[in-house]
Amino acid sequence: STRLMGWFRQAPGKDREFVASIKWSIAKTYYADS
């Protein structure tokens, strides 16, 4: 049932931020610009 999977990270004192993801149906990857 999983359509999307990704990675996030959180440093002490900071908000959780997006790192990268992959959308299975179209085999497309996404990344944080930095």
All heavy atoms as atom14 arrays in JSON, in Angstrom:
{
  "sequence": "STRLMGWFRQAPGKDREFVASIKWSIAKTYYADS",
  "atom14_mask": [
    [1, 1, 1, 1, 1, 1, 0, 0, 0, 0, 0, 0, 0, 0],
    [1, 1, 1, 1, 1, 1, 1, 0, 0, 0, 0, 0, 0, 0],
    [1, 1, 1, 1, 1, 1, 1, 1, 1, 1, 1, 0, 0, 0],
    [1, 1, 1, 1, 1, 1, 1, 1, 0, 0, 0, 0, 0, 0],
    [1, 1, 1, 1, 1, 1, 1, 1, 0, 0, 0, 0, 0, 0],
    [1, 1, 1, 1, 0, 0, 0, 0, 0, 0, 0, 0, 0, 0],
    [1, 1, 1, 1, 1, 1, 1, 1, 1, 1, 1, 1, 1, 1],
    [1, 1, 1, 1, 1, 1, 1, 1, 1, 1, 1, 0, 0, 0],
    [1, 1, 1, 1, 1, 1, 1, 1, 1, 1, 1, 0, 0, 0],
    [1, 1, 1, 1, 1, 1, 1, 1, 1, 0, 0, 0, 0, 0],
    [1, 1, 1, 1, 1, 0, 0, 0, 0, 0, 0, 0, 0, 0],
    [1, 1, 1, 1, 1, 1, 1, 0, 0, 0, 0, 0, 0, 0],
    [1, 1, 1, 1, 0, 0, 0, 0, 0, 0, 0, 0, 0, 0],
    [1, 1, 1, 1, 1, 1, 1, 1, 1, 0, 0, 0, 0, 0],
    [1, 1, 1, 1, 1, 1, 1, 1, 0, 0, 0, 0, 0, 0],
    [1, 1, 1, 1, 1, 1, 1, 1, 1, 1, 1, 0, 0, 0],
    [1, 1, 1, 1, 1, 1, 1, 1, 1, 0, 0, 0, 0, 0],
    [1, 1, 1, 1, 1, 1, 1, 1, 1, 1, 1, 0, 0, 0],
    [1, 1, 1, 1, 1, 1, 1, 0, 0, 0, 0, 0, 0, 0],
    [1, 1, 1, 1, 1, 0, 0, 0, 0, 0, 0, 0, 0, 0],
    [1, 1, 1, 1, 1, 1, 0, 0, 0, 0, 0, 0, 0, 0],
    [1, 1, 1, 1, 1, 1, 1, 1, 0, 0, 0, 0, 0, 0],
    [1, 1, 1, 1, 1, 1, 1, 1, 1, 0, 0, 0, 0, 0],
    [1, 1, 1, 1, 1, 1, 1, 1, 1, 1, 1, 1, 1, 1],
    [1, 1, 1, 1, 1, 1, 0, 0, 0, 0, 0, 0, 0, 0],
    [1, 1, 1, 1, 1, 1, 1, 1, 0, 0, 0, 0, 0, 0],
    [1, 1, 1, 1, 1, 0, 0, 0, 0, 0, 0, 0, 0, 0],
    [1, 1, 1, 1, 1, 1, 1, 1, 1, 0, 0, 0, 0, 0],
    [1, 1, 1, 1, 1, 1, 1, 0, 0, 0, 0, 0, 0, 0],
    [1, 1, 1, 1, 1, 1, 1, 1, 1, 1, 1, 1, 0, 0],
    [1, 1, 1, 1, 1, 1, 1, 1, 1, 1, 1, 1, 0, 0],
    [1, 1, 1, 1, 1, 0, 0, 0, 0, 0, 0, 0, 0, 0],
    [1, 1, 1, 1, 1, 1, 1, 1, 0, 0, 0, 0, 0, 0],
    [1, 1, 1, 1, 1, 1, 0, 0, 0, 0, 0, 0, 0, 0]
  ],
  "atom14_positions": [
    [[0.8, -1.22, 0.0], [0.0, 0.0, 0.0], [0.84, 1.27, 0.0], [0.29, 2.37, -0.09], [-0.93, 0.01, 1.22], [-0.19, 0.09, 2.42], [0.0, 0.0, 0.0], [0.0, 0.0, 0.0], [0.0, 0.0, 0.0], [0.0, 0.0, 0.0], [0.0, 0.0, 0.0], [0.0, 0.0, 0.0], [0.0, 0.0, 0.0], [0.0, 0.0, 0.0]],
    [[2.14, 1.14, 0.08], [3.03, 2.29, 0.15], [3.25, 2.89, -1.23], [3.71, 2.21, -2.14], [4.37, 1.91, 0.78], [4.14, 1.38, 2.09], [5.28, 3.12, 0.89], [0.0, 0.0, 0.0], [0.0, 0.0, 0.0], [0.0, 0.0, 0.0], [0.0, 0.0, 0.0], [0.0, 0.0, 0.0], [0.0, 0.0, 0.0], [0.0, 0.0, 0.0]],
    [[2.94, 4.17, -1.39], [3.1, 4.86, -2.67], [4.31, 5.79, -2.7], [4.83, 6.1, -3.76], [1.84, 5.67, -2.99], [0.58, 4.85, -3.13], [-0.6, 5.73, -3.44], [-1.83, 4.97, -3.56], [-3.01, 5.49, -3.83], [-3.12, 6.8, -4.01], [-4.07, 4.72, -3.92], [0.0, 0.0, 0.0], [0.0, 0.0, 0.0], [0.0, 0.0, 0.0]],
    [[4.73, 6.22, -1.52], [5.8, 7.19, -1.42], [6.66, 6.88, -0.21], [6.13, 6.59, 0.87], [5.21, 8.6, -1.32], [6.15, 9.77, -1.11], [6.95, 10.03, -2.39], [5.37, 11.01, -0.71], [0.0, 0.0, 0.0], [0.0, 0.0, 0.0], [0.0, 0.0, 0.0], [0.0, 0.0, 0.0], [0.0, 0.0, 0.0], [0.0, 0.0, 0.0]],
    [[7.96, 6.94, -0.36], [8.87, 6.76, 0.76], [9.93, 7.84, 0.7], [10.3, 8.31, -0.37], [9.52, 5.37, 0.74], [8.53, 4.24, 0.95], [9.32, 2.6, 1.06], [10.15, 2.74, 2.66], [0.0, 0.0, 0.0], [0.0, 0.0, 0.0], [0.0, 0.0, 0.0], [0.0, 0.0, 0.0], [0.0, 0.0, 0.0], [0.0, 0.0, 0.0]],
    [[10.4, 8.22, 1.86], [11.38, 9.28, 1.89], [12.22, 9.29, 3.15], [12.04, 8.47, 4.06], [0.0, 0.0, 0.0], [0.0, 0.0, 0.0], [0.0, 0.0, 0.0], [0.0, 0.0, 0.0], [0.0, 0.0, 0.0], [0.0, 0.0, 0.0], [0.0, 0.0, 0.0], [0.0, 0.0, 0.0], [0.0, 0.0, 0.0], [0.0, 0.0, 0.0]],
    [[13.15, 10.23, 3.16], [14.04, 10.44, 4.29], [13.89, 11.86, 4.81], [13.81, 12.81, 4.03], [15.5, 10.21, 3.89], [15.85, 8.78, 3.62], [15.85, 8.15, 2.42], [16.26, 7.81, 4.59], [16.23, 6.84, 2.56], [16.5, 6.6, 3.89], [16.46, 7.84, 5.97], [16.92, 5.44, 4.53], [16.88, 6.68, 6.61], [17.1, 5.51, 5.89]],
    [[13.88, 11.99, 6.12], [13.85, 13.26, 6.8], [14.96, 13.26, 7.84], [15.49, 12.2, 8.19], [12.5, 13.5, 7.48], [11.36, 13.68, 6.53], [10.8, 12.59, 5.87], [10.83, 14.94, 6.3], [9.74, 12.75, 4.99], [9.76, 15.12, 5.42], [9.22, 14.02, 4.77], [0.0, 0.0, 0.0], [0.0, 0.0, 0.0], [0.0, 0.0, 0.0]],
    [[15.31, 14.43, 8.33], [16.3, 14.51, 9.39], [15.94, 15.61, 10.37], [15.26, 16.57, 10.02], [17.7, 14.73, 8.83], [17.93, 16.09, 8.19], [19.33, 16.17, 7.6], [19.63, 17.5, 7.1], [20.76, 17.82, 6.47], [21.7, 16.9, 6.28], [20.95, 19.07, 6.05], [0.0, 0.0, 0.0], [0.0, 0.0, 0.0], [0.0, 0.0, 0.0]],
    [[16.41, 15.47, 11.6], [16.16, 16.46, 12.62], [17.39, 16.62, 13.5], [17.84, 15.66, 14.13], [14.95, 16.07, 13.47], [14.53, 17.15, 14.46], [13.18, 16.86, 15.09], [12.77, 15.71, 15.2], [12.48, 17.91, 15.49], [0.0, 0.0, 0.0], [0.0, 0.0, 0.0], [0.0, 0.0, 0.0], [0.0, 0.0, 0.0], [0.0, 0.0, 0.0]],
    [[17.92, 17.82, 13.53], [19.04, 18.16, 14.38], [18.52, 18.73, 15.69], [17.4, 19.26, 15.74], [19.96, 19.16, 13.69], [0.0, 0.0, 0.0], [0.0, 0.0, 0.0], [0.0, 0.0, 0.0], [0.0, 0.0, 0.0], [0.0, 0.0, 0.0], [0.0, 0.0, 0.0], [0.0, 0.0, 0.0], [0.0, 0.0, 0.0], [0.0, 0.0, 0.0]],
    [[19.3, 18.66, 16.77], [18.85, 19.2, 18.06], [18.45, 20.67, 17.95], [19.18, 21.48, 17.39], [20.08, 19.03, 18.95], [20.8, 17.86, 18.36], [20.62, 18.02, 16.87], [0.0, 0.0, 0.0], [0.0, 0.0, 0.0], [0.0, 0.0, 0.0], [0.0, 0.0, 0.0], [0.0, 0.0, 0.0], [0.0, 0.0, 0.0], [0.0, 0.0, 0.0]],
    [[17.27, 20.99, 18.47], [16.8, 22.36, 18.46], [16.25, 22.84, 17.14], [15.9, 24.02, 17.02], [0.0, 0.0, 0.0], [0.0, 0.0, 0.0], [0.0, 0.0, 0.0], [0.0, 0.0, 0.0], [0.0, 0.0, 0.0], [0.0, 0.0, 0.0], [0.0, 0.0, 0.0], [0.0, 0.0, 0.0], [0.0, 0.0, 0.0], [0.0, 0.0, 0.0]],
    [[16.17, 21.97, 16.16], [15.67, 22.36, 14.85], [14.46, 21.52, 14.46], [14.22, 20.45, 15.0], [16.77, 22.2, 13.78], [17.97, 23.11, 13.98], [18.96, 22.96, 12.84], [20.15, 23.89, 13.0], [21.1, 23.74, 11.87], [0.0, 0.0, 0.0], [0.0, 0.0, 0.0], [0.0, 0.0, 0.0], [0.0, 0.0, 0.0], [0.0, 0.0, 0.0]],
    [[13.7, 22.04, 13.5], [12.55, 21.31, 12.98], [13.0, 20.16, 12.1], [14.09, 20.18, 11.52], [11.65, 22.24, 12.17], [10.98, 23.31, 12.99], [10.76, 23.09, 14.2], [10.67, 24.38, 12.43], [0.0, 0.0, 0.0], [0.0, 0.0, 0.0], [0.0, 0.0, 0.0], [0.0, 0.0, 0.0], [0.0, 0.0, 0.0], [0.0, 0.0, 0.0]],
    [[12.15, 19.17, 12.0], [12.42, 18.07, 11.1], [12.35, 18.59, 9.66], [11.42, 19.33, 9.31], [11.41, 16.94, 11.31], [11.68, 15.7, 10.48], [10.78, 14.55, 10.91], [11.05, 14.16, 12.3], [10.44, 13.15, 12.9], [9.54, 12.43, 12.26], [10.74, 12.87, 14.16], [0.0, 0.0, 0.0], [0.0, 0.0, 0.0], [0.0, 0.0, 0.0]],
    [[13.32, 18.22, 8.83], [13.36, 18.71, 7.47], [13.42, 17.58, 6.46], [13.93, 16.49, 6.73], [14.57, 19.65, 7.27], [15.92, 18.98, 7.42], [17.08, 19.91, 7.12], [16.89, 20.89, 6.36], [18.19, 19.66, 7.63], [0.0, 0.0, 0.0], [0.0, 0.0, 0.0], [0.0, 0.0, 0.0], [0.0, 0.0, 0.0], [0.0, 0.0, 0.0]],
    [[12.9, 17.86, 5.28], [12.88, 16.91, 4.19], [14.27, 16.73, 3.61], [15.01, 17.69, 3.42], [11.92, 17.39, 3.11], [11.98, 16.61, 1.83], [11.4, 15.35, 1.74], [12.62, 17.12, 0.72], [11.44, 14.62, 0.57], [12.67, 16.4, -0.45], [12.09, 15.15, -0.53], [0.0, 0.0, 0.0], [0.0, 0.0, 0.0], [0.0, 0.0, 0.0]],
    [[14.63, 15.49, 3.3], [15.91, 15.17, 2.69], [15.74, 14.69, 1.26], [16.27, 15.28, 0.32], [16.68, 14.11, 3.51], [17.95, 13.68, 2.78], [17.01, 14.65, 4.9], [0.0, 0.0, 0.0], [0.0, 0.0, 0.0], [0.0, 0.0, 0.0], [0.0, 0.0, 0.0], [0.0, 0.0, 0.0], [0.0, 0.0, 0.0], [0.0, 0.0, 0.0]],
    [[15.0, 13.61, 1.08], [14.79, 13.04, -0.25], [13.62, 12.08, -0.21], [13.23, 11.59, 0.85], [16.05, 12.3, -0.73], [0.0, 0.0, 0.0], [0.0, 0.0, 0.0], [0.0, 0.0, 0.0], [0.0, 0.0, 0.0], [0.0, 0.0, 0.0], [0.0, 0.0, 0.0], [0.0, 0.0, 0.0], [0.0, 0.0, 0.0], [0.0, 0.0, 0.0]],
    [[13.05, 11.79, -1.38], [11.93, 10.86, -1.46], [11.89, 10.2, -2.82], [12.54, 10.65, -3.78], [10.6, 11.57, -1.18], [10.3, 12.51, -2.19], [0.0, 0.0, 0.0], [0.0, 0.0, 0.0], [0.0, 0.0, 0.0], [0.0, 0.0, 0.0], [0.0, 0.0, 0.0], [0.0, 0.0, 0.0], [0.0, 0.0, 0.0], [0.0, 0.0, 0.0]],
    [[11.11, 9.13, -2.9], [10.91, 8.44, -4.17], [9.45, 8.06, -4.3], [8.86, 7.5, -3.38], [11.83, 7.2, -4.29], [11.62, 6.5, -5.63], [11.62, 6.23, -3.13], [12.71, 5.47, -5.94], [0.0, 0.0, 0.0], [0.0, 0.0, 0.0], [0.0, 0.0, 0.0], [0.0, 0.0, 0.0], [0.0, 0.0, 0.0], [0.0, 0.0, 0.0]],
    [[8.86, 8.4, -5.43], [7.47, 8.06, -5.73], [7.48, 6.84, -6.62], [7.94, 6.89, -7.76], [6.76, 9.24, -6.41], [5.27, 9.02, -6.63], [4.58, 10.3, -7.1], [4.52, 11.32, -5.98], [3.73, 12.51, -6.38], [0.0, 0.0, 0.0], [0.0, 0.0, 0.0], [0.0, 0.0, 0.0], [0.0, 0.0, 0.0], [0.0, 0.0, 0.0]],
    [[6.96, 5.75, -6.11], [7.1, 4.46, -6.78], [6.4, 4.39, -8.13], [6.94, 3.84, -9.07], [6.58, 3.34, -5.88], [7.3, 3.2, -4.59], [6.8, 3.38, -3.34], [8.68, 2.84, -4.42], [7.77, 3.16, -2.39], [8.93, 2.82, -3.03], [9.72, 2.52, -5.29], [10.19, 2.51, -2.5], [10.97, 2.23, -4.76], [11.19, 2.22, -3.39]],
    [[5.21, 4.94, -8.23], [4.41, 4.79, -9.44], [5.07, 5.37, -10.68], [4.87, 4.86, -11.79], [3.03, 5.42, -9.25], [3.13, 6.81, -9.03], [0.0, 0.0, 0.0], [0.0, 0.0, 0.0], [0.0, 0.0, 0.0], [0.0, 0.0, 0.0], [0.0, 0.0, 0.0], [0.0, 0.0, 0.0], [0.0, 0.0, 0.0], [0.0, 0.0, 0.0]],
    [[5.83, 6.42, -10.53], [6.5, 7.05, -11.67], [8.01, 6.98, -11.55], [8.73, 7.57, -12.37], [6.05, 8.52, -11.83], [6.32, 9.33, -10.57], [4.59, 8.58, -12.21], [6.01, 10.8, -10.71], [0.0, 0.0, 0.0], [0.0, 0.0, 0.0], [0.0, 0.0, 0.0], [0.0, 0.0, 0.0], [0.0, 0.0, 0.0], [0.0, 0.0, 0.0]],
    [[8.5, 6.28, -10.55], [9.93, 6.09, -10.34], [10.68, 7.42, -10.33], [11.76, 7.54, -10.93], [10.5, 5.15, -11.39], [0.0, 0.0, 0.0], [0.0, 0.0, 0.0], [0.0, 0.0, 0.0], [0.0, 0.0, 0.0], [0.0, 0.0, 0.0], [0.0, 0.0, 0.0], [0.0, 0.0, 0.0], [0.0, 0.0, 0.0], [0.0, 0.0, 0.0]],
    [[10.12, 8.4, -9.68], [10.71, 9.72, -9.64], [11.26, 10.01, -8.25], [10.63, 9.68, -7.24], [9.69, 10.78, -10.03], [10.27, 12.18, -10.13], [9.26, 13.16, -10.67], [9.83, 14.56, -10.73], [11.0, 14.64, -11.64], [0.0, 0.0, 0.0], [0.0, 0.0, 0.0], [0.0, 0.0, 0.0], [0.0, 0.0, 0.0], [0.0, 0.0, 0.0]],
    [[12.43, 10.63, -8.21], [13.05, 11.0, -6.95], [13.03, 12.5, -6.75], [13.01, 13.28, -7.71], [14.5, 10.49, -6.88], [15.25, 11.02, -7.99], [14.54, 8.97, -6.94], [0.0, 0.0, 0.0], [0.0, 0.0, 0.0], [0.0, 0.0, 0.0], [0.0, 0.0, 0.0], [0.0, 0.0, 0.0], [0.0, 0.0, 0.0], [0.0, 0.0, 0.0]],
    [[13.05, 12.91, -5.49], [13.01, 14.31, -5.13], [14.07, 14.56, -4.07], [14.34, 13.71, -3.23], [11.64, 14.7, -4.58], [10.49, 14.37, -5.49], [9.92, 13.11, -5.5], [9.96, 15.34, -6.36], [8.87, 12.79, -6.34], [8.9, 15.03, -7.2], [8.36, 13.77, -7.19], [7.31, 13.46, -8.02], [0.0, 0.0, 0.0], [0.0, 0.0, 0.0]],
    [[14.66, 15.75, -4.09], [15.7, 16.1, -3.15], [15.54, 17.52, -2.63], [15.06, 18.4, -3.33], [17.08, 16.01, -3.78], [17.47, 14.62, -4.23], [17.21, 14.18, -5.52], [18.11, 13.75, -3.36], [17.55, 12.9, -5.93], [18.47, 12.47, -3.75], [18.19, 12.06, -5.05], [18.54, 10.79, -5.45], [0.0, 0.0, 0.0], [0.0, 0.0, 0.0]],
    [[15.96, 17.72, -1.39], [16.09, 19.08, -0.9], [17.18, 19.76, -1.73], [18.22, 19.16, -2.01], [16.47, 19.07, 0.58], [0.0, 0.0, 0.0], [0.0, 0.0, 0.0], [0.0, 0.0, 0.0], [0.0, 0.0, 0.0], [0.0, 0.0, 0.0], [0.0, 0.0, 0.0], [0.0, 0.0, 0.0], [0.0, 0.0, 0.0], [0.0, 0.0, 0.0]],
    [[16.93, 21.01, -2.13], [17.86, 21.7, -3.01], [19.28, 21.75, -2.45], [20.26, 21.61, -3.19], [17.37, 23.13, -3.28], [16.16, 23.17, -4.19], [15.92, 22.18, -4.91], [15.47, 24.2, -4.2], [0.0, 0.0, 0.0], [0.0, 0.0, 0.0], [0.0, 0.0, 0.0], [0.0, 0.0, 0.0], [0.0, 0.0, 0.0], [0.0, 0.0, 0.0]],
    [[19.39, 21.94, -1.17], [20.7, 22.08, -0.55], [21.5, 20.78, -0.52], [22.71, 20.81, -0.3], [20.56, 22.62, 0.88], [19.83, 21.72, 1.69], [0.0, 0.0, 0.0], [0.0, 0.0, 0.0], [0.0, 0.0, 0.0], [0.0, 0.0, 0.0], [0.0, 0.0, 0.0], [0.0, 0.0, 0.0], [0.0, 0.0, 0.0], [0.0, 0.0, 0.0]]
  ]
}
